[in-house]
Amino acid sequence: MYSPTLLDITPKPYSGPFRDFKGNLEINDKLNEVEILHQGDLRGPESMVFHDGYLYTGVEDGRIVKVKDGKITTVAQTGRSCVMPYEERVCGRPLGLRIGKDGFLYIIDAFYGIFTMNFTTGSLNRILSNNAVIDGQQMKFPDDLDIDDEGNIYFTDASTKWDLTTMYYLMFEYEAGGRVIRFNMHTRESEVLMKNLNFPNGVQLSKDKKFLLVCELMNRRILRYHLLGAQQGRVDVFSDALPGEPDNIRPSSRGYWVGFTSGRNSTHPLLPDVLAPYPTLKRLFARLYHAVGTLLTSVTQLVPCAPLKEFAYMFKKGDAALPLIRRHGIVIEFDEDGRILRSLHSPEGKISDLSEVKEYDGYLYLGSFRNDFLGRLKL
């Protein structure tokens, strides 16, 4: 039944500069030329890999699917059969995907941890549970991963307080509990490389494996952790003051592609930017959404109604606020030193909420944590 318990959230004020849309960030409409693939059939294709001519992706109901010639085939599921969205913890939620040197697909799931998958059989093997306690703290929000040739997995734990179902409260609170962890598959040992991060998201090893790039979403920047050389163990800024929150980072032919949720600059702020300096307002806003969602959930226990139950769950999560946020699609290509090479835009939001850019065979494939399709753009 309904409980008046207030959401435990202590927002912190924050602000930061945005780069102007000038030079290689000048607004264009190149993303408006995107081809929409499988609309309505792929919900939340967050990350992508290609193997034997198939595109593999994970979707919001926990499935790993492969796509080719217009056909979608389910290969595996990280969780169990469930009813979306309010049983998403049961379903599982595959986020980052990679192919390892051993030929297996590596999957990081927000609720279940890290898996390998056999491409031939679709069989899954969990190699690190989401319940793992690392450096005294349990994993809470595993998000993205990369793998080196020695069997080390580098991955982000986006928060030590909030999980995927409460992601928007993590953003409202500006909680600096995120970590970057290295897990050795041979010794089964884990090491925290970076901590006190504000929503660390995508990770990418450099092409020479000398450093690791980490997208720190809430600080709108990309950090560089030095793995080798004279600066080993040190962290510096690869690129900052970005025009939006960076999600996943993946190789391009000239450097790295990064997807963003919604682009903007200081003259066109979004609602979260307006609220950012005012922690009291943020607390009221977050608690209001949580309380209304909790009340609606209690109502559905008395009056079973699937659409209302779904609406209540989405309201409690904070998803109900998303329509209030203007969408400006943007992806950015960086060189090896963090300089911006080019940016592609959709100012009207024909496509936005872009989590990942995969460059493959003359096309850019555009993933998203919330769109119900894949995007494809010819280079």
Protein backbone atom coordinates (compact mmCIF):
# COMPACT_ATOMS: atom_id res chain seq x y z
CA MET A 1 0.00 0.00 0.00
CA TYR A 2 0.92 3.65 -0.25
CA SER A 3 3.71 4.84 2.02
CA PRO A 4 4.45 8.56 2.52
CA THR A 5 8.18 7.85 2.92
CA LEU A 6 10.15 10.55 1.15
CA LEU A 7 12.76 9.71 -1.42
CA ASP A 8 16.25 9.74 0.11
CA ILE A 9 17.94 12.22 -2.19
CA THR A 10 20.32 15.07 -1.43
CA PRO A 11 20.95 16.98 -4.66
CA LYS A 12 24.07 19.04 -5.05
CA PRO A 13 24.31 22.21 -7.12
CA TYR A 14 26.38 22.08 -10.24
CA SER A 15 26.99 24.06 -13.37
CA GLY A 16 29.52 24.04 -16.10
CA PRO A 17 30.32 25.68 -19.41
CA PHE A 18 29.07 24.44 -22.74
CA ARG A 19 31.05 24.87 -25.91
CA ASP A 20 29.47 27.13 -28.50
CA PHE A 21 28.16 25.56 -31.67
CA LYS A 22 31.06 26.93 -33.71
CA GLY A 23 33.79 25.49 -35.89
CA ASN A 24 33.57 21.70 -35.97
CA LEU A 25 30.54 21.91 -33.68
CA GLU A 26 28.55 24.17 -36.00
CA ILE A 27 24.94 23.02 -36.26
CA ASN A 28 24.02 21.10 -39.39
CA ASP A 29 21.25 18.72 -40.38
CA LYS A 30 23.34 15.72 -41.39
CA LEU A 31 21.65 13.38 -38.91
CA ASN A 32 18.31 14.18 -40.53
CA GLU A 33 19.46 11.99 -43.42
CA VAL A 34 19.45 8.95 -41.14
CA GLU A 35 17.67 5.79 -42.25
CA ILE A 36 15.35 4.39 -39.57
CA LEU A 37 15.63 0.60 -39.27
CA HIS A 38 13.21 -1.82 -37.57
CA GLN A 39 11.13 0.86 -35.91
CA GLY A 40 8.96 -0.60 -33.15
CA ASP A 41 10.86 -3.90 -33.15
CA LEU A 42 14.09 -2.89 -31.40
CA ARG A 43 13.49 -1.04 -28.15
CA GLY A 44 16.58 0.46 -26.59
CA PRO A 45 19.37 -0.93 -28.80
CA GLU A 46 22.06 0.56 -26.55
CA SER A 47 25.24 -0.97 -28.00
CA MET A 48 26.21 -2.87 -31.15
CA VAL A 49 28.82 -5.25 -32.52
CA PHE A 50 29.15 -6.94 -35.91
CA HIS A 51 30.00 -10.63 -36.26
CA ASP A 52 29.83 -12.80 -39.41
CA GLY A 53 27.72 -10.21 -41.19
CA TYR A 54 25.16 -9.88 -38.38
CA LEU A 55 24.58 -6.86 -36.20
CA TYR A 56 24.16 -7.88 -32.55
CA THR A 57 22.52 -5.64 -29.99
CA GLY A 58 20.87 -5.84 -26.58
CA VAL A 59 17.34 -4.50 -26.08
CA GLU A 60 15.36 -3.30 -23.09
CA ASP A 61 13.58 -6.60 -22.35
CA GLY A 62 16.89 -8.36 -21.72
CA ARG A 63 17.31 -10.07 -25.07
CA ILE A 64 20.41 -10.25 -27.23
CA VAL A 65 19.30 -10.21 -30.86
CA LYS A 66 21.03 -10.45 -34.22
CA VAL A 67 19.90 -8.50 -37.27
CA LYS A 68 20.50 -9.19 -40.95
CA ASP A 69 18.59 -8.59 -44.19
CA GLY A 70 15.61 -7.15 -42.34
CA LYS A 71 15.24 -10.14 -40.00
CA ILE A 72 15.59 -9.99 -36.21
CA THR A 73 16.46 -13.20 -34.36
CA THR A 74 16.62 -13.64 -30.59
CA VAL A 75 19.89 -15.30 -29.58
CA ALA A 76 19.90 -15.13 -25.77
CA GLN A 77 18.41 -13.40 -22.74
CA THR A 78 20.43 -12.21 -19.77
CA GLY A 79 17.48 -12.41 -17.38
CA ARG A 80 14.17 -14.26 -17.35
CA SER A 81 10.83 -13.91 -19.09
CA CYS A 82 9.03 -10.88 -17.71
CA VAL A 83 6.52 -8.11 -18.24
CA MET A 84 8.04 -4.81 -19.30
CA PRO A 85 8.65 -2.21 -18.06
CA TYR A 86 7.89 -2.80 -14.38
CA GLU A 87 9.69 -6.16 -14.21
CA GLU A 88 12.86 -4.91 -15.90
CA ARG A 89 15.00 -6.15 -13.03
CA VAL A 90 13.77 -9.66 -13.87
CA CYS A 91 14.23 -9.21 -17.62
CA GLY A 92 17.79 -7.99 -17.39
CA ARG A 93 19.11 -5.02 -19.35
CA PRO A 94 22.14 -5.59 -21.59
CA LEU A 95 24.05 -2.35 -22.08
CA GLY A 96 27.63 -2.36 -23.41
CA LEU A 97 28.71 -5.10 -25.85
CA ARG A 98 32.20 -6.11 -27.02
CA ILE A 99 33.83 -8.99 -28.86
CA GLY A 100 36.78 -10.47 -27.00
CA LYS A 101 40.03 -11.84 -28.37
CA ASP A 102 38.65 -15.30 -27.52
CA GLY A 103 35.80 -14.84 -30.02
CA PHE A 104 33.03 -14.56 -27.42
CA LEU A 105 30.54 -11.73 -27.07
CA TYR A 106 30.98 -9.85 -23.80
CA ILE A 107 27.84 -8.32 -22.32
CA ILE A 108 27.47 -6.01 -19.35
CA ASP A 109 23.98 -6.11 -17.87
CA ALA A 110 22.73 -3.40 -15.52
CA PHE A 111 21.01 -5.93 -13.23
CA TYR A 112 22.96 -9.17 -13.62
CA GLY A 113 26.61 -8.26 -14.19
CA ILE A 114 29.02 -9.39 -16.91
CA PHE A 115 28.45 -12.35 -19.25
CA THR A 116 30.13 -14.04 -22.16
CA MET A 117 28.03 -15.45 -24.99
CA ASN A 118 28.91 -18.15 -27.50
CA PHE A 119 27.95 -16.80 -30.93
CA THR A 120 27.22 -20.30 -32.26
CA THR A 121 25.05 -21.66 -29.46
CA GLY A 122 23.83 -18.47 -27.76
CA SER A 123 24.80 -19.95 -24.38
CA LEU A 124 25.62 -17.45 -21.64
CA ASN A 125 28.22 -17.68 -18.89
CA ARG A 126 28.16 -15.13 -16.10
CA ILE A 127 31.72 -14.21 -15.15
CA LEU A 128 31.00 -11.42 -12.67
CA SER A 129 27.80 -11.08 -10.67
CA ASN A 130 26.09 -7.78 -10.06
CA ASN A 131 26.20 -8.73 -6.36
CA ALA A 132 30.00 -8.65 -6.35
CA VAL A 133 31.52 -6.52 -3.59
CA ILE A 134 34.52 -4.61 -4.91
CA ASP A 135 36.69 -2.50 -2.62
CA GLY A 136 34.04 -2.76 0.09
CA GLN A 137 31.10 -1.68 -2.07
CA GLN A 138 28.63 -3.78 -4.02
CA MET A 139 28.25 -3.14 -7.71
CA LYS A 140 25.10 -1.13 -8.29
CA PHE A 141 24.96 0.06 -11.90
CA PRO A 142 27.33 -1.74 -14.31
CA ASP A 143 27.17 0.21 -17.56
CA ASP A 144 29.86 -0.26 -20.23
CA LEU A 145 32.99 -2.32 -20.76
CA ASP A 146 36.09 -2.87 -22.88
CA ILE A 147 38.60 -5.74 -22.91
CA ASP A 148 42.35 -5.84 -23.48
CA ASP A 149 44.37 -8.71 -24.97
CA GLU A 150 45.54 -9.95 -21.54
CA GLY A 151 42.08 -10.80 -20.25
CA ASN A 152 41.37 -7.60 -18.32
CA ILE A 153 37.87 -6.18 -18.46
CA TYR A 154 37.57 -2.44 -17.84
CA PHE A 155 34.05 -1.43 -16.88
CA THR A 156 32.05 1.37 -15.32
CA ASP A 157 29.89 1.10 -12.22
CA ALA A 158 27.88 4.28 -12.74
CA SER A 159 26.82 4.68 -9.10
CA THR A 160 27.18 3.04 -5.70
CA LYS A 161 23.74 4.35 -4.62
CA TRP A 162 21.39 4.33 -7.61
CA ASP A 163 20.72 1.62 -10.19
CA LEU A 164 19.28 1.74 -13.70
CA THR A 165 15.69 2.01 -12.45
CA THR A 166 16.59 5.19 -10.57
CA MET A 167 19.01 6.62 -13.13
CA TYR A 168 17.29 10.00 -13.35
CA TYR A 169 17.55 10.47 -9.59
CA LEU A 170 21.27 9.80 -9.91
CA MET A 171 21.43 12.63 -12.42
CA PHE A 172 19.31 14.95 -10.26
CA GLU A 173 21.39 14.28 -7.17
CA TYR A 174 24.71 14.77 -8.97
CA GLU A 175 26.04 11.89 -6.87
CA ALA A 176 29.77 11.29 -7.25
CA GLY A 177 29.83 7.59 -6.40
CA GLY A 178 30.72 6.18 -9.80
CA ARG A 179 33.74 3.97 -10.41
CA VAL A 180 35.91 2.47 -13.12
CA ILE A 181 36.97 -1.09 -12.32
CA ARG A 182 39.47 -3.51 -13.84
CA PHE A 183 38.55 -7.19 -13.55
CA ASN A 184 41.16 -9.83 -14.39
CA MET A 185 39.46 -12.89 -15.84
CA HIS A 186 42.42 -15.16 -15.01
CA THR A 187 42.90 -14.26 -11.34
CA ARG A 188 39.25 -13.20 -10.76
CA GLU A 189 40.57 -10.13 -8.96
CA SER A 190 39.07 -6.66 -9.26
CA GLU A 191 40.72 -3.28 -8.80
CA VAL A 192 39.11 0.16 -8.63
CA LEU A 193 41.07 2.43 -10.98
CA MET A 194 38.91 5.56 -10.68
CA LYS A 195 36.28 6.60 -8.14
CA ASN A 196 34.19 9.59 -7.04
CA LEU A 197 32.96 10.06 -10.60
CA ASN A 198 29.67 11.66 -11.64
CA PHE A 199 27.95 8.94 -13.67
CA PRO A 200 30.86 7.31 -15.53
CA ASN A 201 29.38 5.77 -18.65
CA GLY A 202 31.17 4.65 -21.83
CA VAL A 203 34.72 3.30 -21.81
CA GLN A 204 37.20 2.74 -24.63
CA LEU A 205 40.81 1.57 -24.67
CA SER A 206 43.10 3.56 -26.94
CA LYS A 207 44.27 1.81 -30.07
CA ASP A 208 47.75 1.32 -28.58
CA LYS A 209 46.23 0.26 -25.22
CA LYS A 210 48.21 2.95 -23.40
CA PHE A 211 45.20 4.70 -21.92
CA LEU A 212 41.52 4.24 -21.16
CA LEU A 213 38.92 6.85 -22.09
CA VAL A 214 35.95 7.29 -19.77
CA CYS A 215 32.85 9.35 -20.52
CA GLU A 216 31.82 11.11 -17.31
CA LEU A 217 28.24 11.86 -18.23
CA MET A 218 27.16 14.39 -15.61
CA ASN A 219 30.33 16.47 -15.91
CA ARG A 220 29.98 16.48 -19.70
CA ARG A 221 33.57 15.45 -20.26
CA ILE A 222 35.82 12.56 -21.26
CA LEU A 223 38.61 11.54 -18.91
CA ARG A 224 41.81 9.70 -19.77
CA TYR A 225 43.32 7.13 -17.40
CA HIS A 226 46.94 6.32 -18.25
CA LEU A 227 47.64 2.58 -18.18
CA LEU A 228 51.27 2.63 -19.33
CA GLY A 229 54.23 4.99 -19.48
CA ALA A 230 55.53 7.73 -17.23
CA GLN A 231 52.00 8.87 -16.30
CA GLN A 232 50.72 5.40 -15.41
CA GLY A 233 47.84 5.62 -12.94
CA ARG A 234 47.20 9.31 -13.54
CA VAL A 235 43.98 10.85 -14.81
CA ASP A 236 43.66 13.88 -17.06
CA VAL A 237 40.96 15.45 -19.20
CA PHE A 238 40.69 14.24 -22.79
CA SER A 239 37.88 16.66 -23.73
CA ASP A 240 35.50 18.79 -21.66
CA ALA A 241 32.75 21.44 -21.76
CA LEU A 242 30.93 19.14 -24.18
CA PRO A 243 27.57 20.18 -25.66
CA GLY A 244 25.62 17.45 -23.89
CA GLU A 245 26.08 14.29 -21.84
CA PRO A 246 28.46 11.77 -23.45
CA ASP A 247 27.28 8.17 -23.45
CA ASN A 248 29.27 5.37 -25.12
CA ILE A 249 32.56 5.91 -26.91
CA ARG A 250 33.73 3.67 -29.75
CA PRO A 251 36.53 3.69 -32.35
CA SER A 252 36.24 5.58 -35.62
CA SER A 253 38.53 5.40 -38.63
CA ARG A 254 40.24 8.59 -37.38
CA GLY A 255 39.73 8.43 -33.62
CA TYR A 256 36.55 7.96 -31.60
CA TRP A 257 32.80 8.44 -31.97
CA VAL A 258 30.68 9.54 -29.02
CA GLY A 259 26.89 9.56 -28.80
CA PHE A 260 24.98 12.18 -26.80
CA THR A 261 21.51 12.30 -25.28
CA SER A 262 20.59 15.82 -26.34
CA GLY A 263 22.88 18.57 -27.58
CA ARG A 264 22.72 22.17 -26.45
CA ASN A 265 24.83 25.19 -25.54
CA SER A 266 24.57 27.85 -22.86
CA THR A 267 22.04 29.90 -24.85
CA HIS A 268 19.68 26.93 -25.27
CA PRO A 269 19.66 25.14 -21.88
CA LEU A 270 17.38 22.24 -21.04
CA LEU A 271 15.17 21.97 -17.96
CA PRO A 272 17.84 20.00 -16.00
CA ASP A 273 20.36 22.77 -16.76
CA VAL A 274 17.97 25.42 -15.41
CA LEU A 275 17.40 23.42 -12.21
CA ALA A 276 21.05 22.37 -11.78
CA PRO A 277 22.18 25.26 -9.50
CA TYR A 278 19.13 24.85 -7.20
CA PRO A 279 19.33 21.70 -5.04
CA THR A 280 16.14 22.46 -3.10
CA LEU A 281 14.09 22.68 -6.29
CA LYS A 282 15.67 19.50 -7.57
CA ARG A 283 14.81 17.69 -4.34
CA LEU A 284 11.18 18.85 -4.52
CA PHE A 285 10.91 17.87 -8.17
CA ALA A 286 12.41 14.40 -7.60
CA ARG A 287 10.35 13.71 -4.48
CA LEU A 288 7.16 14.82 -6.23
CA TYR A 289 7.68 12.39 -9.09
CA HIS A 290 8.62 9.57 -6.73
CA ALA A 291 5.65 10.20 -4.40
CA VAL A 292 3.10 10.40 -7.22
CA GLY A 293 4.53 7.25 -8.77
CA THR A 294 4.37 5.44 -5.42
CA LEU A 295 0.76 6.55 -4.90
CA LEU A 296 -0.26 5.40 -8.38
CA THR A 297 1.47 2.07 -7.80
CA SER A 298 -0.59 1.61 -4.63
CA VAL A 299 -3.77 2.36 -6.58
CA THR A 300 -2.94 -0.40 -9.07
CA GLN A 301 -2.80 -2.90 -6.20
CA LEU A 302 -6.45 -2.11 -5.49
CA VAL A 303 -7.55 -1.62 -9.09
CA PRO A 304 -5.49 -3.87 -11.38
CA CYS A 305 -4.91 -2.06 -14.64
CA ALA A 306 -1.87 -2.82 -16.80
CA PRO A 307 -1.65 0.60 -18.55
CA LEU A 308 -1.94 2.41 -15.20
CA LYS A 309 0.64 0.10 -13.64
CA GLU A 310 3.05 0.90 -16.47
CA PHE A 311 2.39 4.63 -16.21
CA ALA A 312 2.90 4.53 -12.43
CA TYR A 313 6.21 2.73 -12.81
CA MET A 314 7.49 5.15 -15.45
CA PHE A 315 6.38 8.11 -13.32
CA LYS A 316 8.15 6.77 -10.25
CA LYS A 317 11.34 6.23 -12.26
CA GLY A 318 11.24 9.79 -13.54
CA ASP A 319 10.66 8.82 -17.16
CA ALA A 320 7.46 10.86 -17.21
CA ALA A 321 9.58 14.03 -17.23
CA LEU A 322 11.35 13.13 -20.47
CA PRO A 323 8.72 14.71 -22.78
CA LEU A 324 9.51 18.05 -21.11
CA ILE A 325 13.08 17.94 -22.43
CA ARG A 326 13.85 19.31 -25.88
CA ARG A 327 15.71 16.91 -28.19
CA HIS A 328 18.69 17.89 -30.33
CA GLY A 329 20.43 14.89 -31.84
CA ILE A 330 24.23 15.03 -31.93
CA VAL A 331 27.22 12.72 -32.32
CA ILE A 332 30.84 13.86 -32.27
CA GLU A 333 34.03 12.41 -33.70
CA PHE A 334 37.26 13.09 -31.77
CA ASP A 335 40.86 12.51 -32.80
CA GLU A 336 43.39 10.59 -30.70
CA ASP A 337 44.25 13.75 -28.74
CA GLY A 338 40.70 14.79 -27.88
CA ARG A 339 40.25 17.41 -30.59
CA ILE A 340 36.83 17.54 -32.24
CA LEU A 341 37.03 16.48 -35.88
CA ARG A 342 33.35 16.84 -36.79
CA SER A 343 29.85 16.76 -35.39
CA LEU A 344 26.60 15.56 -36.93
CA HIS A 345 23.33 17.12 -35.81
CA SER A 346 19.58 16.78 -35.93
CA PRO A 347 18.45 20.13 -34.47
CA GLU A 348 14.76 19.20 -34.66
CA GLY A 349 15.37 15.86 -32.98
CA LYS A 350 14.44 13.59 -35.88
CA ILE A 351 16.88 11.29 -34.12
CA SER A 352 18.28 11.93 -30.63
CA ASP A 353 19.02 10.08 -27.37
CA LEU A 354 22.01 8.49 -29.06
CA SER A 355 23.97 6.10 -26.87
CA GLU A 356 26.51 4.75 -29.35
CA VAL A 357 27.93 5.23 -32.83
CA LYS A 358 29.30 2.18 -34.64
CA GLU A 359 31.29 2.80 -37.81
CA TYR A 360 31.03 -0.22 -40.10
CA ASP A 361 31.35 -0.82 -43.84
CA GLY A 362 30.81 2.78 -44.93
CA TYR A 363 27.93 3.49 -42.54
CA LEU A 364 27.37 4.85 -39.08
CA TYR A 365 24.97 2.76 -37.01
CA LEU A 366 23.28 4.74 -34.25
CA GLY A 367 22.18 3.03 -31.05
CA SER A 368 19.97 4.43 -28.32
CA PHE A 369 19.00 3.55 -24.76
CA ARG A 370 15.38 4.56 -25.40
CA ASN A 371 14.59 4.79 -29.13
CA ASP A 372 12.65 1.87 -30.61
CA PHE A 373 14.81 1.60 -33.73
CA LEU A 374 18.35 1.59 -35.07
CA GLY A 375 19.63 4.49 -37.12
CA ARG A 376 21.91 4.11 -40.12
CA LEU A 377 23.72 6.92 -41.92
CA LYS A 378 25.89 6.59 -45.01
CA LEU A 379 29.30 8.19 -44.63
